[in-house]
Amino acid sequence: MEMDSSTRTIYIPLLEEGTPVARPTQAISLGGDVFRVLATSDYDPTNETWQYPPGTIVRCAREARDGEEIWVAFAQIG
C-alpha cells in the first residue's frame, strides 16, 4: 500500500450519544480510504466515546452531508 502521509479531516462516529453523531478529527492518510486516527486537542475519553479512538487505523467512506462530501470512518483495520 502506498503511503502519502497527508493529514485530512475525517469523522468518527460517537457511541452512547442517543442519536447518530460523528466527531471531526484529523487523520493521517495511509493511502486510498485508509487513515490513522489522531486525537483532537480537547480529546477526553471520559467525556466522549469514539467508536475508533486515536491511534486506530480505519477504513473510511465518502458521504454527502449538508451538501459537502466528507470521509466517515466505518471499519477498524487490524
PDB file of N, CA and C in Angstrom:
ATOM      1  N   MET A   1       0.849  -1.176   0.000  1.00  0.00           N
ATOM      2  CA  MET A   1       0.000   0.000   0.000  1.00  0.00           C
ATOM      3  C   MET A   1       0.897   1.243   0.000  1.00  0.00           C
ATOM      4  N   GLU A   2       0.637   2.149  -0.913  1.00  0.00           N
ATOM      5  CA  GLU A   2       1.416   3.386  -0.995  1.00  0.00           C
ATOM      6  C   GLU A   2       0.947   4.366   0.072  1.00  0.00           C
ATOM      7  N   MET A   3       1.901   5.027   0.725  1.00  0.00           N
ATOM      8  CA  MET A   3       1.557   5.981   1.780  1.00  0.00           C
ATOM      9  C   MET A   3       1.836   7.394   1.299  1.00  0.00           C
ATOM     10  N   ASP A   4       0.857   8.287   1.468  1.00  0.00           N
ATOM     11  CA  ASP A   4       1.105   9.684   1.087  1.00  0.00           C
ATOM     12  C   ASP A   4       1.258  10.567   2.318  1.00  0.00           C
ATOM     13  N   SER A   5       1.001  10.053   3.497  1.00  0.00           N
ATOM     14  CA  SER A   5       1.198  10.686   4.801  1.00  0.00           C
ATOM     15  C   SER A   5       0.625  12.096   4.932  1.00  0.00           C
ATOM     16  N   SER A   6      -0.382  12.426   4.143  1.00  0.00           N
ATOM     17  CA  SER A   6      -1.014  13.734   4.310  1.00  0.00           C
ATOM     18  C   SER A   6      -2.074  13.650   5.404  1.00  0.00           C
ATOM     19  N   THR A   7      -2.328  14.787   6.028  1.00  0.00           N
ATOM     20  CA  THR A   7      -3.324  14.846   7.096  1.00  0.00           C
ATOM     21  C   THR A   7      -4.636  15.368   6.519  1.00  0.00           C
ATOM     22  N   ARG A   8      -5.735  14.711   6.887  1.00  0.00           N
ATOM     23  CA  ARG A   8      -7.050  15.091   6.391  1.00  0.00           C
ATOM     24  C   ARG A   8      -8.047  15.069   7.540  1.00  0.00           C
ATOM     25  N   THR A   9      -9.161  15.739   7.346  1.00  0.00           N
ATOM     26  CA  THR A   9     -10.252  15.669   8.319  1.00  0.00           C
ATOM     27  C   THR A   9     -11.120  14.465   7.991  1.00  0.00           C
ATOM     28  N   ILE A  10     -11.358  13.635   9.009  1.00  0.00           N
ATOM     29  CA  ILE A  10     -12.316  12.538   8.891  1.00  0.00           C
ATOM     30  C   ILE A  10     -13.294  12.652  10.057  1.00  0.00           C
ATOM     31  N   TYR A  11     -14.384  11.917   9.984  1.00  0.00           N
ATOM     32  CA  TYR A  11     -15.411  11.939  11.026  1.00  0.00           C
ATOM     33  C   TYR A  11     -15.494  10.570  11.681  1.00  0.00           C
ATOM     34  N   ILE A  12     -15.475  10.587  13.032  1.00  0.00           N
ATOM     35  CA  ILE A  12     -15.530   9.368  13.832  1.00  0.00           C
ATOM     36  C   ILE A  12     -16.899   9.286  14.507  1.00  0.00           C
ATOM     37  N   PRO A  13     -17.649   8.179  14.284  1.00  0.00           N
ATOM     38  CA  PRO A  13     -18.923   8.029  14.985  1.00  0.00           C
ATOM     39  C   PRO A  13     -18.707   7.995  16.502  1.00  0.00           C
ATOM     40  N   LEU A  14     -19.609   8.655  17.221  1.00  0.00           N
ATOM     41  CA  LEU A  14     -19.584   8.631  18.681  1.00  0.00           C
ATOM     42  C   LEU A  14     -20.594   7.618  19.176  1.00  0.00           C
ATOM     43  N   LEU A  15     -20.249   6.928  20.252  1.00  0.00           N
ATOM     44  CA  LEU A  15     -21.135   5.943  20.871  1.00  0.00           C
ATOM     45  C   LEU A  15     -21.823   6.568  22.074  1.00  0.00           C
ATOM     46  N   GLU A  16     -22.951   5.999  22.469  1.00  0.00           N
ATOM     47  CA  GLU A  16     -23.665   6.399  23.689  1.00  0.00           C
ATOM     48  C   GLU A  16     -24.160   7.839  23.660  1.00  0.00           C
ATOM     49  N   GLU A  17     -24.514   8.356  22.466  1.00  0.00           N
ATOM     50  CA  GLU A  17     -24.997   9.731  22.354  1.00  0.00           C
ATOM     51  C   GLU A  17     -26.514   9.818  22.214  1.00  0.00           C
ATOM     52  N   GLY A  18     -27.204   8.698  21.985  1.00  0.00           N
ATOM     53  CA  GLY A  18     -28.655   8.713  21.841  1.00  0.00           C
ATOM     54  C   GLY A  18     -29.119   8.923  20.403  1.00  0.00           C
ATOM     55  N   THR A  19     -28.369   9.674  19.619  1.00  0.00           N
ATOM     56  CA  THR A  19     -28.652   9.861  18.193  1.00  0.00           C
ATOM     57  C   THR A  19     -27.336   9.706  17.437  1.00  0.00           C
ATOM     58  N   PRO A  20     -27.392   9.387  16.139  1.00  0.00           N
ATOM     59  CA  PRO A  20     -26.144   9.258  15.381  1.00  0.00           C
ATOM     60  C   PRO A  20     -25.390  10.587  15.316  1.00  0.00           C
ATOM     61  N   VAL A  21     -24.160  10.584  15.787  1.00  0.00           N
ATOM     62  CA  VAL A  21     -23.318  11.777  15.824  1.00  0.00           C
ATOM     63  C   VAL A  21     -21.908  11.362  15.418  1.00  0.00           C
ATOM     64  N   ALA A  22     -21.204  12.246  14.710  1.00  0.00           N
ATOM     65  CA  ALA A  22     -19.815  11.972  14.334  1.00  0.00           C
ATOM     66  C   ALA A  22     -18.963  13.185  14.676  1.00  0.00           C
ATOM     67  N   ARG A  23     -17.772  12.922  15.199  1.00  0.00           N
ATOM     68  CA  ARG A  23     -16.836  13.965  15.629  1.00  0.00           C
ATOM     69  C   ARG A  23     -15.777  14.153  14.539  1.00  0.00           C
ATOM     70  N   PRO A  24     -15.572  15.393  14.065  1.00  0.00           N
ATOM     71  CA  PRO A  24     -14.468  15.611  13.131  1.00  0.00           C
ATOM     72  C   PRO A  24     -13.137  15.570  13.870  1.00  0.00           C
ATOM     73  N   THR A  25     -12.145  14.975  13.251  1.00  0.00           N
ATOM     74  CA  THR A  25     -10.792  14.948  13.796  1.00  0.00           C
ATOM     75  C   THR A  25      -9.818  14.839  12.635  1.00  0.00           C
ATOM     76  N   GLN A  26      -8.561  15.010  12.918  1.00  0.00           N
ATOM     77  CA  GLN A  26      -7.537  14.852  11.895  1.00  0.00           C
ATOM     78  C   GLN A  26      -7.094  13.390  11.846  1.00  0.00           C
ATOM     79  N   ALA A  27      -6.642  12.979  10.671  1.00  0.00           N
ATOM     80  CA  ALA A  27      -6.145  11.622  10.483  1.00  0.00           C
ATOM     81  C   ALA A  27      -5.044  11.661   9.434  1.00  0.00           C
ATOM     82  N   ILE A  28      -4.132  10.733   9.552  1.00  0.00           N
ATOM     83  CA  ILE A  28      -3.056  10.609   8.566  1.00  0.00           C
ATOM     84  C   ILE A  28      -3.508   9.631   7.500  1.00  0.00           C
ATOM     85  N   SER A  29      -3.481  10.073   6.244  1.00  0.00           N
ATOM     86  CA  SER A  29      -3.846   9.199   5.130  1.00  0.00           C
ATOM     87  C   SER A  29      -2.754   8.158   4.937  1.00  0.00           C
ATOM     88  N   LEU A  30      -3.170   6.897   4.918  1.00  0.00           N
ATOM     89  CA  LEU A  30      -2.235   5.801   4.679  1.00  0.00           C
ATOM     90  C   LEU A  30      -2.391   5.265   3.261  1.00  0.00           C
ATOM     91  N   GLY A  31      -3.198   5.952   2.457  1.00  0.00           N
ATOM     92  CA  GLY A  31      -3.429   5.563   1.071  1.00  0.00           C
ATOM     93  C   GLY A  31      -4.863   5.142   0.837  1.00  0.00           C
ATOM     94  N   GLY A  32      -5.435   5.633  -0.243  1.00  0.00           N
ATOM     95  CA  GLY A  32      -6.815   5.279  -0.586  1.00  0.00           C
ATOM     96  C   GLY A  32      -7.777   5.736   0.490  1.00  0.00           C
ATOM     97  N   ASP A  33      -8.569   4.800   1.009  1.00  0.00           N
ATOM     98  CA  ASP A  33      -9.582   5.119   2.014  1.00  0.00           C
ATOM     99  C   ASP A  33      -9.165   4.698   3.426  1.00  0.00           C
ATOM    100  N   VAL A  34      -7.854   4.539   3.656  1.00  0.00           N
ATOM    101  CA  VAL A  34      -7.338   4.076   4.953  1.00  0.00           C
ATOM    102  C   VAL A  34      -6.621   5.228   5.660  1.00  0.00           C
ATOM    103  N   PHE A  35      -6.948   5.396   6.958  1.00  0.00           N
ATOM    104  CA  PHE A  35      -6.421   6.508   7.743  1.00  0.00           C
ATOM    105  C   PHE A  35      -6.042   6.049   9.143  1.00  0.00           C
ATOM    106  N   ARG A  36      -5.063   6.747   9.776  1.00  0.00           N
ATOM    107  CA  ARG A  36      -4.753   6.564  11.195  1.00  0.00           C
ATOM    108  C   ARG A  36      -5.356   7.754  11.939  1.00  0.00           C
ATOM    109  N   VAL A  37      -6.244   7.465  12.893  1.00  0.00           N
ATOM    110  CA  VAL A  37      -6.975   8.493  13.636  1.00  0.00           C
ATOM    111  C   VAL A  37      -6.039   9.242  14.588  1.00  0.00           C
ATOM    112  N   LEU A  38      -6.126  10.567  14.582  1.00  0.00           N
ATOM    113  CA  LEU A  38      -5.400  11.417  15.521  1.00  0.00           C
ATOM    114  C   LEU A  38      -6.386  12.024  16.513  1.00  0.00           C
ATOM    115  N   ALA A  39      -5.924  12.354  17.707  1.00  0.00           N
ATOM    116  CA  ALA A  39      -6.783  12.966  18.726  1.00  0.00           C
ATOM    117  C   ALA A  39      -7.005  14.441  18.420  1.00  0.00           C
ATOM    118  N   THR A  40      -8.166  14.947  18.813  1.00  0.00           N
ATOM    119  CA  THR A  40      -8.387  16.388  18.777  1.00  0.00           C
ATOM    120  C   THR A  40      -7.650  16.995  19.969  1.00  0.00           C
ATOM    121  N   SER A  41      -7.460  18.304  19.955  1.00  0.00           N
ATOM    122  CA  SER A  41      -6.738  18.956  21.054  1.00  0.00           C
ATOM    123  C   SER A  41      -7.480  18.821  22.385  1.00  0.00           C
ATOM    124  N   ASP A  42      -8.812  18.656  22.319  1.00  0.00           N
ATOM    125  CA  ASP A  42      -9.598  18.528  23.551  1.00  0.00           C
ATOM    126  C   ASP A  42     -10.142  17.107  23.755  1.00  0.00           C
ATOM    127  N   TYR A  43      -9.482  16.115  23.155  1.00  0.00           N
ATOM    128  CA  TYR A  43      -9.934  14.727  23.275  1.00  0.00           C
ATOM    129  C   TYR A  43      -9.971  14.300  24.741  1.00  0.00           C
ATOM    130  N   ASP A  44     -11.133  13.780  25.157  1.00  0.00           N
ATOM    131  CA  ASP A  44     -11.314  13.317  26.538  1.00  0.00           C
ATOM    132  C   ASP A  44     -12.181  12.061  26.502  1.00  0.00           C
ATOM    133  N   PRO A  45     -11.565  10.877  26.622  1.00  0.00           N
ATOM    134  CA  PRO A  45     -12.337   9.633  26.537  1.00  0.00           C
ATOM    135  C   PRO A  45     -13.351   9.457  27.663  1.00  0.00           C
ATOM    136  N   THR A  46     -13.265  10.270  28.725  1.00  0.00           N
ATOM    137  CA  THR A  46     -14.269  10.190  29.784  1.00  0.00           C
ATOM    138  C   THR A  46     -15.497  11.028  29.436  1.00  0.00           C
ATOM    139  N   ASN A  47     -15.373  11.910  28.432  1.00  0.00           N
ATOM    140  CA  ASN A  47     -16.468  12.787  28.023  1.00  0.00           C
ATOM    141  C   ASN A  47     -17.179  12.272  26.771  1.00  0.00           C
ATOM    142  N   GLU A  48     -16.433  11.687  25.843  1.00  0.00           N
ATOM    143  CA  GLU A  48     -16.993  11.154  24.599  1.00  0.00           C
ATOM    144  C   GLU A  48     -16.400   9.776  24.352  1.00  0.00           C
ATOM    145  N   THR A  49     -17.233   8.871  23.836  1.00  0.00           N
ATOM    146  CA  THR A  49     -16.753   7.543  23.471  1.00  0.00           C
ATOM    147  C   THR A  49     -16.699   7.455  21.963  1.00  0.00           C
ATOM    148  N   TRP A  50     -15.473   7.530  21.432  1.00  0.00           N
ATOM    149  CA  TRP A  50     -15.285   7.413  19.988  1.00  0.00           C
ATOM    150  C   TRP A  50     -15.347   5.941  19.603  1.00  0.00           C
ATOM    151  N   GLN A  51     -16.041   5.630  18.500  1.00  0.00           N
ATOM    152  CA  GLN A  51     -16.083   4.253  18.026  1.00  0.00           C
ATOM    153  C   GLN A  51     -14.675   3.764  17.676  1.00  0.00           C
ATOM    154  N   TYR A  52     -13.852   4.673  17.164  1.00  0.00           N
ATOM    155  CA  TYR A  52     -12.467   4.360  16.810  1.00  0.00           C
ATOM    156  C   TYR A  52     -11.568   5.386  17.480  1.00  0.00           C
ATOM    157  N   PRO A  53     -10.946   5.055  18.609  1.00  0.00           N
ATOM    158  CA  PRO A  53     -10.130   6.030  19.352  1.00  0.00           C
ATOM    159  C   PRO A  53      -8.848   6.407  18.613  1.00  0.00           C
ATOM    160  N   PRO A  54      -8.197   7.488  19.043  1.00  0.00           N
ATOM    161  CA  PRO A  54      -6.935   7.902  18.430  1.00  0.00           C
ATOM    162  C   PRO A  54      -5.942   6.744  18.373  1.00  0.00           C
ATOM    163  N   GLY A  55      -5.218   6.676  17.254  1.00  0.00           N
ATOM    164  CA  GLY A  55      -4.251   5.607  17.032  1.00  0.00           C
ATOM    165  C   GLY A  55      -4.801   4.463  16.207  1.00  0.00           C
ATOM    166  N   THR A  56      -6.132   4.350  16.130  1.00  0.00           N
ATOM    167  CA  THR A  56      -6.769   3.280  15.372  1.00  0.00           C
ATOM    168  C   THR A  56      -6.590   3.519  13.876  1.00  0.00           C
ATOM    169  N   ILE A  57      -6.366   2.444  13.137  1.00  0.00           N
ATOM    170  CA  ILE A  57      -6.339   2.523  11.676  1.00  0.00           C
ATOM    171  C   ILE A  57      -7.730   2.130  11.191  1.00  0.00           C
ATOM    172  N   VAL A  58      -8.325   3.012  10.378  1.00  0.00           N
ATOM    173  CA  VAL A  58      -9.710   2.828   9.953  1.00  0.00           C
ATOM    174  C   VAL A  58      -9.845   2.913   8.442  1.00  0.00           C
ATOM    175  N   ARG A  59     -10.913   2.320   7.957  1.00  0.00           N
ATOM    176  CA  ARG A  59     -11.329   2.479   6.571  1.00  0.00           C
ATOM    177  C   ARG A  59     -12.485   3.469   6.585  1.00  0.00           C
ATOM    178  N   CYS A  60     -12.466   4.411   5.646  1.00  0.00           N
ATOM    179  CA  CYS A  60     -13.496   5.444   5.575  1.00  0.00           C
ATOM    180  C   CYS A  60     -14.242   5.378   4.247  1.00  0.00           C
ATOM    181  N   ALA A  61     -15.441   5.903   4.279  1.00  0.00           N
ATOM    182  CA  ALA A  61     -16.250   6.043   3.067  1.00  0.00           C
ATOM    183  C   ALA A  61     -16.593   7.509   2.894  1.00  0.00           C
ATOM    184  N   ARG A  62     -16.675   7.943   1.652  1.00  0.00           N
ATOM    185  CA  ARG A  62     -17.102   9.314   1.371  1.00  0.00           C
ATOM    186  C   ARG A  62     -18.620   9.370   1.479  1.00  0.00           C
ATOM    187  N   GLU A  63     -19.106  10.359   2.205  1.00  0.00           N
ATOM    188  CA  GLU A  63     -20.547  10.563   2.363  1.00  0.00           C
ATOM    189  C   GLU A  63     -20.875  12.015   2.095  1.00  0.00           C
ATOM    190  N   ALA A  64     -22.058  12.244   1.556  1.00  0.00           N
ATOM    191  CA  ALA A  64     -22.533  13.613   1.342  1.00  0.00           C
ATOM    192  C   ALA A  64     -23.355  14.017   2.560  1.00  0.00           C
ATOM    193  N   ARG A  65     -22.927  15.082   3.221  1.00  0.00           N
ATOM    194  CA  ARG A  65     -23.657  15.610   4.383  1.00  0.00           C
ATOM    195  C   ARG A  65     -23.709  17.121   4.268  1.00  0.00           C
ATOM    196  N   ASP A  66     -24.913  17.659   4.349  1.00  0.00           N
ATOM    197  CA  ASP A  66     -25.118  19.108   4.262  1.00  0.00           C
ATOM    198  C   ASP A  66     -24.472  19.695   3.008  1.00  0.00           C
ATOM    199  N   GLY A  67     -24.568  18.972   1.890  1.00  0.00           N
ATOM    200  CA  GLY A  67     -24.049  19.458   0.631  1.00  0.00           C
ATOM    201  C   GLY A  67     -22.542  19.379   0.485  1.00  0.00           C
ATOM    202  N   GLU A  68     -21.876  18.711   1.409  1.00  0.00           N
ATOM    203  CA  GLU A  68     -20.418  18.602   1.395  1.00  0.00           C
ATOM    204  C   GLU A  68     -20.046  17.124   1.424  1.00  0.00           C
ATOM    205  N   GLU A  69     -18.971  16.758   0.719  1.00  0.00           N
ATOM    206  CA  GLU A  69     -18.504  15.385   0.752  1.00  0.00           C
ATOM    207  C   GLU A  69     -17.436  15.249   1.836  1.00  0.00           C
ATOM    208  N   ILE A  70     -17.639  14.287   2.749  1.00  0.00           N
ATOM    209  CA  ILE A  70     -16.716  14.086   3.863  1.00  0.00           C
ATOM    210  C   ILE A  70     -16.314  12.609   3.944  1.00  0.00           C
ATOM    211  N   TRP A  71     -15.213  12.354   4.659  1.00  0.00           N
ATOM    212  CA  TRP A  71     -14.788  10.979   4.949  1.00  0.00           C
ATOM    213  C   TRP A  71     -15.347  10.580   6.317  1.00  0.00           C
ATOM    214  N   VAL A  72     -16.028   9.422   6.386  1.00  0.00           N
ATOM    215  CA  VAL A  72     -16.577   8.924   7.652  1.00  0.00           C
ATOM    216  C   VAL A  72     -16.013   7.522   7.902  1.00  0.00           C
ATOM    217  N   ALA A  73     -15.429   7.322   9.087  1.00  0.00           N
ATOM    218  CA  ALA A  73     -14.863   6.014   9.443  1.00  0.00           C
ATOM    219  C   ALA A  73     -15.989   5.001   9.636  1.00  0.00           C
ATOM    220  N   PHE A  74     -15.787   3.792   9.070  1.00  0.00           N
ATOM    221  CA  PHE A  74     -16.819   2.760   9.228  1.00  0.00           C
ATOM    222  C   PHE A  74     -16.269   1.408   9.628  1.00  0.00           C
ATOM    223  N   ALA A  75     -14.946   1.206   9.606  1.00  0.00           N
ATOM    224  CA  ALA A  75     -14.393  -0.098   9.974  1.00  0.00           C
ATOM    225  C   ALA A  75     -12.964   0.058  10.480  1.00  0.00           C
ATOM    226  N   GLN A  76     -12.640  -0.730  11.494  1.00  0.00           N
ATOM    227  CA  GLN A  76     -11.263  -0.772  12.003  1.00  0.00           C
ATOM    228  C   GLN A  76     -10.487  -1.795  11.191  1.00  0.00           C
ATOM    229  N   ILE A  77      -9.217  -1.485  10.934  1.00  0.00           N
ATOM    230  CA  ILE A  77      -8.355  -2.410  10.203  1.00  0.00           C
ATOM    231  C   ILE A  77      -7.326  -2.962  11.188  1.00  0.00           C
ATOM    232  N   GLY A  78      -7.173  -4.277  11.159  1.00  0.00           N
ATOM    233  CA  GLY A  78      -6.168  -4.907  12.010  1.00  0.00           C
ATOM    234  C   GLY A  78      -6.657  -5.290  13.358  1.00  0.00           C
TER     235      GLY A  78
END
